[in-house]
Amino acid sequence: MSVTRFLAGFIVGGAIGAITGILLAPKSGEETRAMLADSAKEAMEKANETVKEIQSKADDVVSDLQKKGDEIKEKLQGLINQQKSEAEA
């Protein structure tokens, strides 16, 4: 399962659960609308936090991959230079 599908399912499931709970609660229309607005704000804040966390982790992974790629490149260049010097000798 991809992270984006999980994230989308998490957000949609949370929103559906919150809306269902609010609509079934015995409150006035004004109170219900206020609760819906608050719940929507909270859901957006949680979604933004989750996206930032995922982005931070992805940035870390990309950085690590770049470092490892540079290390591999240096090792290959060293091997190529070694082969050249052995071929010339």
N, C-alpha and C. Protein backbone atom coordinates (compact mmCIF):
# COMPACT_ATOMS: atom_id res chain seq x y z
N MET A 1 0.86 -1.18 0.00
CA MET A 1 0.00 0.00 0.00
C MET A 1 0.90 1.23 0.00
N SER A 2 0.61 2.16 -0.86
CA SER A 2 1.43 3.36 -0.93
C SER A 2 1.08 4.32 0.19
N VAL A 3 2.02 5.18 0.49
CA VAL A 3 1.84 6.15 1.57
C VAL A 3 0.71 7.11 1.23
N THR A 4 0.61 7.52 -0.02
CA THR A 4 -0.43 8.48 -0.39
C THR A 4 -1.82 7.87 -0.26
N ARG A 5 -1.97 6.59 -0.60
CA ARG A 5 -3.27 5.94 -0.46
C ARG A 5 -3.63 5.81 1.02
N PHE A 6 -2.65 5.44 1.83
CA PHE A 6 -2.89 5.34 3.26
C PHE A 6 -3.29 6.69 3.82
N LEU A 7 -2.55 7.73 3.44
CA LEU A 7 -2.83 9.07 3.93
C LEU A 7 -4.23 9.52 3.51
N ALA A 8 -4.58 9.28 2.26
CA ALA A 8 -5.90 9.66 1.76
C ALA A 8 -6.99 8.90 2.51
N GLY A 9 -6.80 7.61 2.72
CA GLY A 9 -7.78 6.82 3.46
C GLY A 9 -7.92 7.27 4.90
N PHE A 10 -6.79 7.62 5.50
CA PHE A 10 -6.79 8.10 6.89
C PHE A 10 -7.59 9.39 7.00
N ILE A 11 -7.34 10.31 6.09
CA ILE A 11 -8.02 11.61 6.13
C ILE A 11 -9.51 11.45 5.85
N VAL A 12 -9.85 10.70 4.81
CA VAL A 12 -11.25 10.50 4.46
C VAL A 12 -11.99 9.77 5.57
N GLY A 13 -11.38 8.74 6.13
CA GLY A 13 -12.01 8.00 7.21
C GLY A 13 -12.24 8.86 8.44
N GLY A 14 -11.25 9.67 8.77
CA GLY A 14 -11.40 10.58 9.91
C GLY A 14 -12.50 11.60 9.68
N ALA A 15 -12.54 12.13 8.48
CA ALA A 15 -13.57 13.13 8.16
C ALA A 15 -14.97 12.52 8.20
N ILE A 16 -15.10 11.34 7.64
CA ILE A 16 -16.42 10.67 7.65
C ILE A 16 -16.85 10.37 9.08
N GLY A 17 -15.93 9.86 9.88
CA GLY A 17 -16.26 9.56 11.27
C GLY A 17 -16.65 10.80 12.05
N ALA A 18 -15.91 11.89 11.84
CA ALA A 18 -16.22 13.14 12.56
C ALA A 18 -17.57 13.70 12.13
N ILE A 19 -17.82 13.71 10.85
CA ILE A 19 -19.09 14.24 10.35
C ILE A 19 -20.26 13.39 10.84
N THR A 20 -20.11 12.08 10.78
CA THR A 20 -21.18 11.19 11.24
C THR A 20 -21.47 11.42 12.72
N GLY A 21 -20.43 11.51 13.50
CA GLY A 21 -20.62 11.73 14.93
C GLY A 21 -21.29 13.05 15.23
N ILE A 22 -20.91 14.07 14.50
CA ILE A 22 -21.49 15.39 14.73
C ILE A 22 -22.96 15.43 14.29
N LEU A 23 -23.24 14.83 13.15
CA LEU A 23 -24.62 14.86 12.65
C LEU A 23 -25.58 14.05 13.51
N LEU A 24 -25.07 13.04 14.18
CA LEU A 24 -25.93 12.21 15.01
C LEU A 24 -26.04 12.75 16.44
N ALA A 25 -25.24 13.74 16.77
CA ALA A 25 -25.29 14.30 18.12
C ALA A 25 -26.51 15.22 18.26
N PRO A 26 -27.14 15.23 19.42
CA PRO A 26 -28.33 16.07 19.62
C PRO A 26 -27.95 17.52 19.94
N LYS A 27 -27.64 18.29 18.89
CA LYS A 27 -27.27 19.70 19.07
C LYS A 27 -28.08 20.54 18.09
N SER A 28 -28.06 21.86 18.33
CA SER A 28 -28.76 22.76 17.42
C SER A 28 -27.97 22.89 16.12
N GLY A 29 -28.61 23.44 15.11
CA GLY A 29 -27.95 23.63 13.81
C GLY A 29 -26.72 24.50 13.91
N GLU A 30 -26.82 25.58 14.67
CA GLU A 30 -25.69 26.49 14.81
C GLU A 30 -24.52 25.80 15.50
N GLU A 31 -24.81 25.07 16.56
CA GLU A 31 -23.75 24.34 17.26
C GLU A 31 -23.11 23.29 16.36
N THR A 32 -23.96 22.59 15.59
CA THR A 32 -23.47 21.55 14.69
C THR A 32 -22.56 22.15 13.61
N ARG A 33 -22.96 23.29 13.04
CA ARG A 33 -22.13 23.95 12.03
C ARG A 33 -20.79 24.38 12.62
N ALA A 34 -20.82 24.91 13.82
CA ALA A 34 -19.58 25.33 14.48
C ALA A 34 -18.68 24.12 14.72
N MET A 35 -19.28 23.01 15.16
CA MET A 35 -18.49 21.80 15.40
C MET A 35 -17.91 21.26 14.10
N LEU A 36 -18.72 21.32 13.02
CA LEU A 36 -18.22 20.87 11.71
C LEU A 36 -17.04 21.73 11.27
N ALA A 37 -17.15 23.02 11.45
CA ALA A 37 -16.06 23.92 11.05
C ALA A 37 -14.81 23.63 11.87
N ASP A 38 -14.97 23.43 13.17
CA ASP A 38 -13.82 23.11 14.02
C ASP A 38 -13.19 21.77 13.63
N SER A 39 -14.04 20.80 13.36
CA SER A 39 -13.53 19.48 12.96
C SER A 39 -12.79 19.56 11.63
N ALA A 40 -13.31 20.35 10.71
CA ALA A 40 -12.64 20.50 9.42
C ALA A 40 -11.28 21.17 9.59
N LYS A 41 -11.21 22.17 10.44
CA LYS A 41 -9.92 22.84 10.70
C LYS A 41 -8.92 21.87 11.32
N GLU A 42 -9.38 21.08 12.29
CA GLU A 42 -8.51 20.12 12.94
C GLU A 42 -8.01 19.07 11.94
N ALA A 43 -8.91 18.61 11.07
CA ALA A 43 -8.52 17.61 10.08
C ALA A 43 -7.48 18.18 9.12
N MET A 44 -7.65 19.42 8.71
CA MET A 44 -6.69 20.06 7.82
C MET A 44 -5.34 20.23 8.51
N GLU A 45 -5.36 20.60 9.78
CA GLU A 45 -4.10 20.76 10.52
C GLU A 45 -3.37 19.42 10.64
N LYS A 46 -4.12 18.36 10.96
CA LYS A 46 -3.51 17.04 11.06
C LYS A 46 -2.96 16.58 9.72
N ALA A 47 -3.72 16.84 8.66
CA ALA A 47 -3.26 16.46 7.32
C ALA A 47 -1.99 17.22 6.96
N ASN A 48 -1.95 18.50 7.26
CA ASN A 48 -0.75 19.29 6.97
C ASN A 48 0.45 18.79 7.76
N GLU A 49 0.24 18.44 9.03
CA GLU A 49 1.33 17.91 9.85
C GLU A 49 1.85 16.60 9.27
N THR A 50 0.91 15.73 8.87
CA THR A 50 1.30 14.45 8.30
C THR A 50 2.07 14.63 7.00
N VAL A 51 1.62 15.54 6.17
CA VAL A 51 2.31 15.81 4.91
C VAL A 51 3.72 16.34 5.18
N LYS A 52 3.86 17.23 6.16
CA LYS A 52 5.18 17.76 6.50
C LYS A 52 6.11 16.67 7.01
N GLU A 53 5.57 15.76 7.83
CA GLU A 53 6.38 14.65 8.33
C GLU A 53 6.84 13.76 7.19
N ILE A 54 5.93 13.44 6.28
CA ILE A 54 6.27 12.58 5.14
C ILE A 54 7.30 13.28 4.26
N GLN A 55 7.12 14.57 4.04
CA GLN A 55 8.05 15.32 3.21
C GLN A 55 9.43 15.35 3.86
N SER A 56 9.48 15.54 5.16
CA SER A 56 10.75 15.55 5.88
C SER A 56 11.46 14.21 5.75
N LYS A 57 10.70 13.12 5.92
CA LYS A 57 11.29 11.79 5.79
C LYS A 57 11.77 11.55 4.37
N ALA A 58 11.00 12.00 3.39
CA ALA A 58 11.40 11.83 1.99
C ALA A 58 12.66 12.63 1.71
N ASP A 59 12.76 13.84 2.25
CA ASP A 59 13.97 14.64 2.07
C ASP A 59 15.18 13.94 2.66
N ASP A 60 15.01 13.32 3.84
CA ASP A 60 16.10 12.59 4.47
C ASP A 60 16.54 11.42 3.60
N VAL A 61 15.58 10.69 3.05
CA VAL A 61 15.90 9.54 2.20
C VAL A 61 16.64 10.00 0.95
N VAL A 62 16.18 11.07 0.33
CA VAL A 62 16.84 11.59 -0.87
C VAL A 62 18.26 12.03 -0.55
N SER A 63 18.45 12.68 0.57
CA SER A 63 19.78 13.12 0.98
C SER A 63 20.71 11.92 1.18
N ASP A 64 20.20 10.89 1.86
CA ASP A 64 21.00 9.68 2.07
C ASP A 64 21.36 9.03 0.75
N LEU A 65 20.41 8.96 -0.16
CA LEU A 65 20.67 8.36 -1.47
C LEU A 65 21.71 9.15 -2.25
N GLN A 66 21.66 10.47 -2.14
CA GLN A 66 22.65 11.29 -2.83
C GLN A 66 24.04 11.04 -2.26
N LYS A 67 24.14 10.95 -0.94
CA LYS A 67 25.44 10.67 -0.31
C LYS A 67 25.98 9.32 -0.74
N LYS A 68 25.13 8.31 -0.73
CA LYS A 68 25.56 6.98 -1.13
C LYS A 68 25.94 6.95 -2.60
N GLY A 69 25.19 7.68 -3.43
CA GLY A 69 25.53 7.77 -4.85
C GLY A 69 26.89 8.42 -5.05
N ASP A 70 27.19 9.46 -4.29
CA ASP A 70 28.49 10.12 -4.39
C ASP A 70 29.61 9.17 -3.95
N GLU A 71 29.35 8.41 -2.88
CA GLU A 71 30.36 7.45 -2.41
C GLU A 71 30.64 6.39 -3.47
N ILE A 72 29.59 5.87 -4.08
CA ILE A 72 29.74 4.86 -5.13
C ILE A 72 30.50 5.45 -6.31
N LYS A 73 30.17 6.67 -6.68
CA LYS A 73 30.84 7.33 -7.79
C LYS A 73 32.34 7.47 -7.51
N GLU A 74 32.69 7.87 -6.29
CA GLU A 74 34.10 8.02 -5.92
C GLU A 74 34.82 6.67 -5.96
N LYS A 75 34.17 5.61 -5.47
CA LYS A 75 34.78 4.28 -5.49
C LYS A 75 35.00 3.81 -6.93
N LEU A 76 34.01 4.02 -7.77
CA LEU A 76 34.14 3.62 -9.18
C LEU A 76 35.26 4.40 -9.86
N GLN A 77 35.33 5.70 -9.57
CA GLN A 77 36.39 6.51 -10.17
C GLN A 77 37.76 6.02 -9.71
N GLY A 78 37.85 5.64 -8.44
CA GLY A 78 39.11 5.09 -7.92
C GLY A 78 39.48 3.79 -8.61
N LEU A 79 38.49 2.92 -8.80
CA LEU A 79 38.76 1.66 -9.49
C LEU A 79 39.17 1.89 -10.94
N ILE A 80 38.54 2.84 -11.60
CA ILE A 80 38.89 3.15 -12.99
C ILE A 80 40.31 3.67 -13.07
N ASN A 81 40.65 4.58 -12.17
CA ASN A 81 42.01 5.12 -12.15
C ASN A 81 43.04 4.02 -11.85
N GLN A 82 42.70 3.11 -10.96
CA GLN A 82 43.59 2.01 -10.62
C GLN A 82 43.80 1.11 -11.84
N GLN A 83 42.73 0.82 -12.56
CA GLN A 83 42.82 -0.02 -13.75
C GLN A 83 43.66 0.66 -14.83
N LYS A 84 43.51 1.97 -14.96
CA LYS A 84 44.30 2.70 -15.95
C LYS A 84 45.79 2.63 -15.61
N SER A 85 46.10 2.85 -14.33
CA SER A 85 47.51 2.84 -13.93
C SER A 85 48.11 1.45 -14.07
N GLU A 86 47.33 0.39 -13.80
CA GLU A 86 47.82 -0.96 -13.96
C GLU A 86 48.00 -1.30 -15.45
N ALA A 87 47.14 -0.78 -16.29
CA ALA A 87 47.22 -1.04 -17.73
C ALA A 87 48.44 -0.34 -18.33
N GLU A 88 48.78 0.82 -17.80
CA GLU A 88 49.92 1.59 -18.30
C GLU A 88 51.23 0.97 -17.84
N ALA A 89 51.21 0.28 -16.74
CA ALA A 89 52.46 -0.31 -16.19
C ALA A 89 52.85 -1.59 -16.84
